[in-house]
Amino acid sequence: MDMDKIIARINELARKNKTVGLTTAEQAERAELRTKYLAVFKSNFKQQLDSIKYVEDEDPDSKPLH
């Protein structure tokens, strides 16, 4: 399930919870979707952090600019 579908379903369940409430099955689905969302979010964030490249000065004797 992709991120947009997960978010859409979580939002749908949130709206339903505010109006009429959720069944036990829907509450379990909501918890599962939240867990999936967090796992995908953490994975994407870790991937972004891993792709960061540090650029160092070419001349080690130069003074820092800050």
N, C-alpha and C. Protein backbone atom coordinates (compact mmCIF):
# COMPACT_ATOMS: atom_id res chain seq x y z
N MET A 1 0.86 -1.18 0.00
CA MET A 1 0.00 0.00 0.00
C MET A 1 0.90 1.24 0.00
N ASP A 2 0.63 2.18 -0.87
CA ASP A 2 1.51 3.35 -0.92
C ASP A 2 1.07 4.40 0.11
N MET A 3 1.94 5.35 0.33
CA MET A 3 1.77 6.34 1.39
C MET A 3 0.48 7.15 1.24
N ASP A 4 0.13 7.55 0.03
CA ASP A 4 -1.08 8.35 -0.17
C ASP A 4 -2.34 7.58 0.23
N LYS A 5 -2.38 6.30 -0.10
CA LYS A 5 -3.55 5.48 0.26
C LYS A 5 -3.63 5.28 1.76
N ILE A 6 -2.47 5.09 2.40
CA ILE A 6 -2.45 4.92 3.85
C ILE A 6 -2.97 6.18 4.53
N ILE A 7 -2.46 7.33 4.11
CA ILE A 7 -2.88 8.60 4.71
C ILE A 7 -4.37 8.85 4.48
N ALA A 8 -4.84 8.57 3.27
CA ALA A 8 -6.26 8.77 2.96
C ALA A 8 -7.14 7.91 3.86
N ARG A 9 -6.76 6.67 4.05
CA ARG A 9 -7.57 5.76 4.89
C ARG A 9 -7.51 6.18 6.36
N ILE A 10 -6.34 6.59 6.83
CA ILE A 10 -6.22 7.06 8.22
C ILE A 10 -7.12 8.27 8.42
N ASN A 11 -7.11 9.21 7.47
CA ASN A 11 -7.95 10.40 7.58
C ASN A 11 -9.44 10.05 7.53
N GLU A 12 -9.78 9.09 6.69
CA GLU A 12 -11.17 8.64 6.59
C GLU A 12 -11.64 8.06 7.93
N LEU A 13 -10.80 7.23 8.53
CA LEU A 13 -11.14 6.64 9.83
C LEU A 13 -11.21 7.72 10.92
N ALA A 14 -10.35 8.72 10.84
CA ALA A 14 -10.37 9.81 11.83
C ALA A 14 -11.68 10.59 11.75
N ARG A 15 -12.11 10.88 10.52
CA ARG A 15 -13.39 11.60 10.34
C ARG A 15 -14.56 10.77 10.87
N LYS A 16 -14.53 9.48 10.57
CA LYS A 16 -15.62 8.61 11.03
C LYS A 16 -15.62 8.52 12.56
N ASN A 17 -14.43 8.47 13.15
CA ASN A 17 -14.33 8.38 14.60
C ASN A 17 -14.92 9.61 15.26
N LYS A 18 -14.75 10.77 14.66
CA LYS A 18 -15.29 12.01 15.22
C LYS A 18 -16.81 12.09 15.10
N THR A 19 -17.38 11.44 14.07
CA THR A 19 -18.82 11.55 13.86
C THR A 19 -19.59 10.43 14.53
N VAL A 20 -19.33 9.19 14.14
CA VAL A 20 -20.15 8.08 14.65
C VAL A 20 -19.37 7.08 15.48
N GLY A 21 -18.05 7.17 15.49
CA GLY A 21 -17.25 6.22 16.24
C GLY A 21 -16.80 5.06 15.35
N LEU A 22 -15.85 4.30 15.86
CA LEU A 22 -15.29 3.18 15.10
C LEU A 22 -15.63 1.86 15.76
N THR A 23 -15.76 0.84 14.93
CA THR A 23 -15.93 -0.51 15.45
C THR A 23 -14.57 -1.01 15.93
N THR A 24 -14.57 -2.13 16.60
CA THR A 24 -13.32 -2.73 17.08
C THR A 24 -12.41 -3.08 15.91
N ALA A 25 -12.98 -3.58 14.83
CA ALA A 25 -12.18 -3.94 13.65
C ALA A 25 -11.56 -2.69 13.03
N GLU A 26 -12.32 -1.61 12.99
CA GLU A 26 -11.80 -0.36 12.42
C GLU A 26 -10.71 0.24 13.30
N GLN A 27 -10.85 0.09 14.60
CA GLN A 27 -9.81 0.57 15.51
C GLN A 27 -8.52 -0.21 15.31
N ALA A 28 -8.65 -1.52 15.10
CA ALA A 28 -7.48 -2.35 14.84
C ALA A 28 -6.84 -1.97 13.51
N GLU A 29 -7.68 -1.72 12.49
CA GLU A 29 -7.17 -1.30 11.18
C GLU A 29 -6.43 0.03 11.30
N ARG A 30 -7.00 0.96 12.07
CA ARG A 30 -6.38 2.27 12.26
C ARG A 30 -5.01 2.12 12.92
N ALA A 31 -4.91 1.27 13.93
CA ALA A 31 -3.63 1.05 14.60
C ALA A 31 -2.60 0.44 13.65
N GLU A 32 -3.05 -0.51 12.83
CA GLU A 32 -2.16 -1.15 11.86
C GLU A 32 -1.69 -0.13 10.81
N LEU A 33 -2.60 0.70 10.33
CA LEU A 33 -2.24 1.71 9.34
C LEU A 33 -1.26 2.73 9.91
N ARG A 34 -1.47 3.11 11.15
CA ARG A 34 -0.54 4.06 11.79
C ARG A 34 0.85 3.45 11.91
N THR A 35 0.91 2.18 12.25
CA THR A 35 2.20 1.49 12.36
C THR A 35 2.89 1.43 11.01
N LYS A 36 2.13 1.11 9.95
CA LYS A 36 2.70 1.07 8.60
C LYS A 36 3.19 2.45 8.19
N TYR A 37 2.38 3.48 8.48
CA TYR A 37 2.74 4.85 8.12
C TYR A 37 4.06 5.24 8.77
N LEU A 38 4.18 4.97 10.07
CA LEU A 38 5.41 5.32 10.77
C LEU A 38 6.62 4.55 10.23
N ALA A 39 6.43 3.28 9.89
CA ALA A 39 7.53 2.49 9.34
C ALA A 39 8.00 3.06 8.00
N VAL A 40 7.05 3.41 7.14
CA VAL A 40 7.41 3.98 5.84
C VAL A 40 8.06 5.35 6.02
N PHE A 41 7.52 6.16 6.93
CA PHE A 41 8.08 7.49 7.19
C PHE A 41 9.51 7.38 7.69
N LYS A 42 9.75 6.50 8.65
CA LYS A 42 11.10 6.32 9.19
C LYS A 42 12.06 5.83 8.12
N SER A 43 11.60 4.90 7.29
CA SER A 43 12.43 4.37 6.22
C SER A 43 12.81 5.46 5.23
N ASN A 44 11.83 6.26 4.81
CA ASN A 44 12.09 7.35 3.87
C ASN A 44 13.03 8.39 4.48
N PHE A 45 12.83 8.71 5.75
CA PHE A 45 13.68 9.69 6.41
C PHE A 45 15.11 9.19 6.53
N LYS A 46 15.27 7.92 6.89
CA LYS A 46 16.61 7.32 6.98
C LYS A 46 17.29 7.33 5.62
N GLN A 47 16.53 7.05 4.59
CA GLN A 47 17.07 7.07 3.23
C GLN A 47 17.56 8.47 2.86
N GLN A 48 16.80 9.48 3.24
CA GLN A 48 17.22 10.86 2.98
C GLN A 48 18.51 11.19 3.73
N LEU A 49 18.57 10.79 4.99
CA LEU A 49 19.77 11.07 5.77
C LEU A 49 20.99 10.33 5.21
N ASP A 50 20.79 9.11 4.76
CA ASP A 50 21.89 8.33 4.20
C ASP A 50 22.40 8.92 2.89
N SER A 51 21.56 9.65 2.18
CA SER A 51 21.97 10.19 0.89
C SER A 51 22.69 11.54 1.01
N ILE A 52 22.77 12.08 2.23
CA ILE A 52 23.47 13.35 2.43
C ILE A 52 24.97 13.12 2.28
N LYS A 53 25.59 13.98 1.49
CA LYS A 53 27.03 13.90 1.29
C LYS A 53 27.67 15.12 1.92
N TYR A 54 28.72 14.89 2.67
CA TYR A 54 29.44 15.98 3.32
C TYR A 54 30.52 16.50 2.39
N VAL A 55 30.61 17.79 2.31
CA VAL A 55 31.62 18.42 1.46
C VAL A 55 32.64 19.09 2.39
N GLU A 56 33.87 18.68 2.25
CA GLU A 56 34.93 19.25 3.07
C GLU A 56 35.76 20.20 2.24
N ASP A 57 36.44 21.10 2.91
CA ASP A 57 37.32 22.03 2.20
C ASP A 57 38.42 21.25 1.49
N GLU A 58 38.77 21.72 0.31
CA GLU A 58 39.85 21.07 -0.43
C GLU A 58 41.20 21.40 0.19
N ASP A 59 41.34 22.60 0.76
CA ASP A 59 42.58 23.02 1.37
C ASP A 59 42.45 22.90 2.89
N PRO A 60 43.11 21.94 3.50
CA PRO A 60 42.95 21.74 4.95
C PRO A 60 43.55 22.88 5.78
N ASP A 61 44.41 23.72 5.19
CA ASP A 61 45.03 24.82 5.93
C ASP A 61 44.18 26.09 5.93
N SER A 62 43.12 26.11 5.18
CA SER A 62 42.30 27.32 5.13
C SER A 62 41.50 27.49 6.42
N LYS A 63 41.23 28.75 6.75
CA LYS A 63 40.48 29.05 7.96
C LYS A 63 38.99 28.80 7.71
N PRO A 64 38.28 28.36 8.73
CA PRO A 64 36.82 28.22 8.57
C PRO A 64 36.18 29.59 8.35
N LEU A 65 35.13 29.62 7.58
CA LEU A 65 34.44 30.87 7.28
C LEU A 65 33.49 31.28 8.40
N HIS A 66 33.28 30.46 9.34
CA HIS A 66 32.35 30.79 10.42
C HIS A 66 33.01 30.84 11.76
